[in-house]
Protein backbone atom coordinates (compact mmCIF):
# COMPACT_ATOMS: atom_id res chain seq x y z
CA UNK A 1 0.00 0.00 0.00
CA UNK A 2 1.90 3.06 -1.24
CA UNK A 3 -0.70 5.37 0.32
CA UNK A 4 1.04 4.85 3.68
CA UNK A 5 4.34 6.34 2.51
CA UNK A 6 2.51 9.08 0.63
CA UNK A 7 0.58 10.10 3.72
CA UNK A 8 3.74 10.01 5.85
CA UNK A 9 5.16 12.58 3.44
CA UNK A 10 1.93 14.60 3.57
CA UNK A 11 2.16 14.72 7.38
CA UNK A 12 5.77 15.92 7.10
CA UNK A 13 4.71 18.62 4.62
CA UNK A 14 1.92 19.75 6.94
CA UNK A 15 4.16 19.90 10.00
CA UNK A 16 6.93 21.74 8.21
CA UNK A 17 4.47 24.34 6.91
CA UNK A 18 2.36 24.79 10.05
CA UNK A 19 4.78 27.16 11.79
CA UNK A 20 4.71 24.91 14.85
CA UNK A 21 0.93 25.33 15.23
CA UNK A 22 -1.61 22.55 15.45
CA UNK A 23 -3.11 21.64 12.06
CA UNK A 24 -6.92 21.73 12.05
CA UNK A 25 -7.62 20.71 8.47
CA UNK A 26 -5.84 19.63 5.32
CA UNK A 27 -7.13 19.87 1.76
CA UNK A 28 -5.52 17.59 -0.81
CA UNK A 29 -5.98 17.27 -4.54
CA UNK A 30 -5.75 13.73 -5.88
CA UNK A 31 -6.10 13.12 -9.59
CA UNK A 32 -8.01 10.14 -10.89
CA UNK A 33 -4.90 8.96 -12.74
CA UNK A 34 -2.54 9.39 -9.77
CA UNK A 35 -2.89 5.79 -8.67
CA UNK A 36 -3.85 6.82 -5.14
CA UNK A 37 -6.99 5.30 -3.60
CA UNK A 38 -8.73 8.10 -1.67
CA UNK A 39 -10.22 5.78 0.97
CA UNK A 40 -6.83 4.21 1.68
CA UNK A 41 -5.26 7.67 1.88
CA UNK A 42 -7.86 8.77 4.44
CA UNK A 43 -7.19 5.70 6.58
CA UNK A 44 -3.42 6.19 6.38
CA UNK A 45 -3.74 9.92 7.14
CA UNK A 46 -5.40 9.14 10.46
CA UNK A 47 -2.84 6.47 11.34
CA UNK A 48 0.19 8.57 10.30
CA UNK A 49 -0.97 11.71 12.09
CA UNK A 50 -1.07 10.15 15.59
CA UNK A 51 1.31 11.94 17.91
CA UNK A 52 1.95 14.81 15.47
CA UNK A 53 0.73 18.39 15.06
CA UNK A 54 -1.72 16.98 12.51
CA UNK A 55 -3.47 14.53 14.87
CA UNK A 56 -7.23 15.08 14.81
CA UNK A 57 -7.15 17.28 11.70
CA UNK A 58 -9.90 16.96 9.10
CA UNK A 59 -8.78 15.68 5.72
CA UNK A 60 -10.69 16.78 2.64
CA UNK A 61 -9.78 15.16 -0.64
CA UNK A 62 -10.73 16.92 -3.86
CA UNK A 63 -10.73 14.40 -6.72
CA UNK A 64 -9.47 15.83 -10.00
CA UNK A 65 -11.05 14.29 -13.10
CA UNK A 66 -8.67 13.10 -15.79
CA UNK A 67 -8.56 14.98 -19.08
CA UNK A 68 -6.49 14.81 -22.20
CA UNK A 69 -5.83 16.52 -25.48
CA UNK A 70 -5.32 14.81 -28.82
CA UNK A 71 -2.11 15.77 -30.58
CA UNK A 72 -3.56 14.69 -33.92
CA UNK A 73 -6.84 16.66 -34.04
CA UNK A 74 -6.62 19.00 -31.02
CA UNK A 75 -9.75 17.61 -29.34
CA UNK A 76 -9.92 17.96 -25.52
CA UNK A 77 -11.82 15.28 -23.63
CA UNK A 78 -12.20 13.37 -20.36
CA UNK A 79 -10.09 10.27 -19.78
CA UNK A 80 -10.79 7.12 -17.80
CA UNK A 81 -7.33 5.58 -18.33
CA UNK A 82 -4.00 6.54 -19.87
CA UNK A 83 -4.83 4.41 -22.89
CA UNK A 84 -8.13 5.99 -23.97
CA UNK A 85 -8.12 6.94 -27.65
CA UNK A 86 -9.42 10.29 -28.82
CA UNK A 87 -13.22 10.02 -29.15
CA UNK A 88 -13.19 12.41 -32.13
CA UNK A 89 -10.54 10.85 -34.39
CA UNK A 90 -9.57 7.59 -32.66
CA UNK A 91 -5.95 8.73 -32.39
CA UNK A 92 -3.66 7.50 -29.62
CA UNK A 93 -1.30 10.49 -29.47
CA UNK A 94 -2.77 11.89 -26.26
CA UNK A 95 -1.34 14.40 -23.80
CA UNK A 96 -2.71 14.18 -20.27
CA UNK A 97 -3.78 17.67 -19.17
CA UNK A 98 -5.34 16.85 -15.78
CA UNK A 99 -5.79 13.96 -13.39
CA UNK A 100 -2.22 13.23 -12.27
CA UNK A 101 -2.30 15.72 -9.38
CA UNK A 102 -1.21 14.71 -5.89
CA UNK A 103 -0.66 17.71 -3.68
CA UNK A 104 -1.48 19.42 -0.41
CA UNK A 105 -3.58 22.39 -1.48
CA UNK A 106 -4.49 24.03 1.85
CA UNK A 107 -3.70 23.88 5.55
CA UNK A 108 -5.75 25.39 8.35
CA UNK A 109 -3.76 25.88 11.54
CA UNK A 110 -4.77 26.97 15.04
C-alpha atoms as a PDB file:
ATOM      1  CA  UNK A   1       0.000   0.000   0.000  1.00  0.00           C
ATOM      2  CA  UNK A   2       1.899   3.062  -1.236  1.00  0.00           C
ATOM      3  CA  UNK A   3      -0.701   5.367   0.320  1.00  0.00           C
ATOM      4  CA  UNK A   4       1.037   4.851   3.678  1.00  0.00           C
ATOM      5  CA  UNK A   5       4.343   6.340   2.510  1.00  0.00           C
ATOM      6  CA  UNK A   6       2.513   9.080   0.630  1.00  0.00           C
ATOM      7  CA  UNK A   7       0.578  10.101   3.720  1.00  0.00           C
ATOM      8  CA  UNK A   8       3.742  10.006   5.852  1.00  0.00           C
ATOM      9  CA  UNK A   9       5.160  12.578   3.442  1.00  0.00           C
ATOM     10  CA  UNK A  10       1.930  14.597   3.570  1.00  0.00           C
ATOM     11  CA  UNK A  11       2.158  14.724   7.385  1.00  0.00           C
ATOM     12  CA  UNK A  12       5.774  15.924   7.102  1.00  0.00           C
ATOM     13  CA  UNK A  13       4.708  18.620   4.625  1.00  0.00           C
ATOM     14  CA  UNK A  14       1.919  19.746   6.942  1.00  0.00           C
ATOM     15  CA  UNK A  15       4.156  19.897  10.001  1.00  0.00           C
ATOM     16  CA  UNK A  16       6.929  21.741   8.211  1.00  0.00           C
ATOM     17  CA  UNK A  17       4.472  24.340   6.905  1.00  0.00           C
ATOM     18  CA  UNK A  18       2.363  24.793  10.052  1.00  0.00           C
ATOM     19  CA  UNK A  19       4.780  27.156  11.789  1.00  0.00           C
ATOM     20  CA  UNK A  20       4.712  24.908  14.849  1.00  0.00           C
ATOM     21  CA  UNK A  21       0.933  25.325  15.231  1.00  0.00           C
ATOM     22  CA  UNK A  22      -1.611  22.555  15.451  1.00  0.00           C
ATOM     23  CA  UNK A  23      -3.111  21.645  12.062  1.00  0.00           C
ATOM     24  CA  UNK A  24      -6.920  21.735  12.053  1.00  0.00           C
ATOM     25  CA  UNK A  25      -7.621  20.710   8.472  1.00  0.00           C
ATOM     26  CA  UNK A  26      -5.839  19.629   5.323  1.00  0.00           C
ATOM     27  CA  UNK A  27      -7.131  19.866   1.761  1.00  0.00           C
ATOM     28  CA  UNK A  28      -5.521  17.594  -0.806  1.00  0.00           C
ATOM     29  CA  UNK A  29      -5.984  17.273  -4.545  1.00  0.00           C
ATOM     30  CA  UNK A  30      -5.750  13.731  -5.876  1.00  0.00           C
ATOM     31  CA  UNK A  31      -6.100  13.124  -9.588  1.00  0.00           C
ATOM     32  CA  UNK A  32      -8.013  10.142 -10.887  1.00  0.00           C
ATOM     33  CA  UNK A  33      -4.899   8.965 -12.742  1.00  0.00           C
ATOM     34  CA  UNK A  34      -2.544   9.393  -9.766  1.00  0.00           C
ATOM     35  CA  UNK A  35      -2.893   5.787  -8.672  1.00  0.00           C
ATOM     36  CA  UNK A  36      -3.850   6.825  -5.136  1.00  0.00           C
ATOM     37  CA  UNK A  37      -6.989   5.300  -3.600  1.00  0.00           C
ATOM     38  CA  UNK A  38      -8.729   8.097  -1.666  1.00  0.00           C
ATOM     39  CA  UNK A  39     -10.219   5.781   0.974  1.00  0.00           C
ATOM     40  CA  UNK A  40      -6.831   4.213   1.681  1.00  0.00           C
ATOM     41  CA  UNK A  41      -5.259   7.674   1.875  1.00  0.00           C
ATOM     42  CA  UNK A  42      -7.863   8.767   4.437  1.00  0.00           C
ATOM     43  CA  UNK A  43      -7.189   5.696   6.577  1.00  0.00           C
ATOM     44  CA  UNK A  44      -3.418   6.191   6.379  1.00  0.00           C
ATOM     45  CA  UNK A  45      -3.744   9.920   7.139  1.00  0.00           C
ATOM     46  CA  UNK A  46      -5.396   9.140  10.457  1.00  0.00           C
ATOM     47  CA  UNK A  47      -2.835   6.467  11.335  1.00  0.00           C
ATOM     48  CA  UNK A  48       0.191   8.566  10.303  1.00  0.00           C
ATOM     49  CA  UNK A  49      -0.967  11.712  12.093  1.00  0.00           C
ATOM     50  CA  UNK A  50      -1.074  10.146  15.585  1.00  0.00           C
ATOM     51  CA  UNK A  51       1.314  11.938  17.914  1.00  0.00           C
ATOM     52  CA  UNK A  52       1.950  14.809  15.473  1.00  0.00           C
ATOM     53  CA  UNK A  53       0.727  18.387  15.062  1.00  0.00           C
ATOM     54  CA  UNK A  54      -1.723  16.975  12.512  1.00  0.00           C
ATOM     55  CA  UNK A  55      -3.468  14.528  14.870  1.00  0.00           C
ATOM     56  CA  UNK A  56      -7.229  15.077  14.812  1.00  0.00           C
ATOM     57  CA  UNK A  57      -7.150  17.278  11.702  1.00  0.00           C
ATOM     58  CA  UNK A  58      -9.895  16.956   9.103  1.00  0.00           C
ATOM     59  CA  UNK A  59      -8.778  15.681   5.720  1.00  0.00           C
ATOM     60  CA  UNK A  60     -10.686  16.782   2.644  1.00  0.00           C
ATOM     61  CA  UNK A  61      -9.780  15.158  -0.637  1.00  0.00           C
ATOM     62  CA  UNK A  62     -10.733  16.918  -3.864  1.00  0.00           C
ATOM     63  CA  UNK A  63     -10.729  14.404  -6.717  1.00  0.00           C
ATOM     64  CA  UNK A  64      -9.468  15.835 -10.000  1.00  0.00           C
ATOM     65  CA  UNK A  65     -11.053  14.286 -13.105  1.00  0.00           C
ATOM     66  CA  UNK A  66      -8.666  13.102 -15.785  1.00  0.00           C
ATOM     67  CA  UNK A  67      -8.563  14.976 -19.079  1.00  0.00           C
ATOM     68  CA  UNK A  68      -6.487  14.807 -22.201  1.00  0.00           C
ATOM     69  CA  UNK A  69      -5.827  16.519 -25.478  1.00  0.00           C
ATOM     70  CA  UNK A  70      -5.323  14.809 -28.822  1.00  0.00           C
ATOM     71  CA  UNK A  71      -2.106  15.768 -30.581  1.00  0.00           C
ATOM     72  CA  UNK A  72      -3.564  14.695 -33.923  1.00  0.00           C
ATOM     73  CA  UNK A  73      -6.837  16.657 -34.045  1.00  0.00           C
ATOM     74  CA  UNK A  74      -6.617  18.997 -31.022  1.00  0.00           C
ATOM     75  CA  UNK A  75      -9.747  17.611 -29.335  1.00  0.00           C
ATOM     76  CA  UNK A  76      -9.920  17.957 -25.525  1.00  0.00           C
ATOM     77  CA  UNK A  77     -11.825  15.282 -23.632  1.00  0.00           C
ATOM     78  CA  UNK A  78     -12.201  13.368 -20.364  1.00  0.00           C
ATOM     79  CA  UNK A  79     -10.094  10.267 -19.781  1.00  0.00           C
ATOM     80  CA  UNK A  80     -10.787   7.116 -17.795  1.00  0.00           C
ATOM     81  CA  UNK A  81      -7.335   5.580 -18.325  1.00  0.00           C
ATOM     82  CA  UNK A  82      -4.002   6.538 -19.865  1.00  0.00           C
ATOM     83  CA  UNK A  83      -4.825   4.414 -22.891  1.00  0.00           C
ATOM     84  CA  UNK A  84      -8.129   5.987 -23.974  1.00  0.00           C
ATOM     85  CA  UNK A  85      -8.117   6.940 -27.654  1.00  0.00           C
ATOM     86  CA  UNK A  86      -9.423  10.288 -28.824  1.00  0.00           C
ATOM     87  CA  UNK A  87     -13.217  10.022 -29.154  1.00  0.00           C
ATOM     88  CA  UNK A  88     -13.189  12.410 -32.134  1.00  0.00           C
ATOM     89  CA  UNK A  89     -10.545  10.850 -34.385  1.00  0.00           C
ATOM     90  CA  UNK A  90      -9.566   7.588 -32.661  1.00  0.00           C
ATOM     91  CA  UNK A  91      -5.945   8.728 -32.385  1.00  0.00           C
ATOM     92  CA  UNK A  92      -3.665   7.499 -29.620  1.00  0.00           C
ATOM     93  CA  UNK A  93      -1.305  10.494 -29.469  1.00  0.00           C
ATOM     94  CA  UNK A  94      -2.766  11.890 -26.258  1.00  0.00           C
ATOM     95  CA  UNK A  95      -1.342  14.399 -23.800  1.00  0.00           C
ATOM     96  CA  UNK A  96      -2.714  14.179 -20.267  1.00  0.00           C
ATOM     97  CA  UNK A  97      -3.778  17.670 -19.174  1.00  0.00           C
ATOM     98  CA  UNK A  98      -5.344  16.848 -15.778  1.00  0.00           C
ATOM     99  CA  UNK A  99      -5.789  13.960 -13.391  1.00  0.00           C
ATOM    100  CA  UNK A 100      -2.224  13.229 -12.270  1.00  0.00           C
ATOM    101  CA  UNK A 101      -2.298  15.718  -9.379  1.00  0.00           C
ATOM    102  CA  UNK A 102      -1.215  14.710  -5.889  1.00  0.00           C
ATOM    103  CA  UNK A 103      -0.658  17.715  -3.677  1.00  0.00           C
ATOM    104  CA  UNK A 104      -1.476  19.425  -0.408  1.00  0.00           C
ATOM    105  CA  UNK A 105      -3.582  22.390  -1.482  1.00  0.00           C
ATOM    106  CA  UNK A 106      -4.487  24.025   1.853  1.00  0.00           C
ATOM    107  CA  UNK A 107      -3.701  23.883   5.548  1.00  0.00           C
ATOM    108  CA  UNK A 108      -5.748  25.393   8.353  1.00  0.00           C
ATOM    109  CA  UNK A 109      -3.764  25.883  11.543  1.00  0.00           C
ATOM    110  CA  UNK A 110      -4.768  26.969  15.042  1.00  0.00           C
END
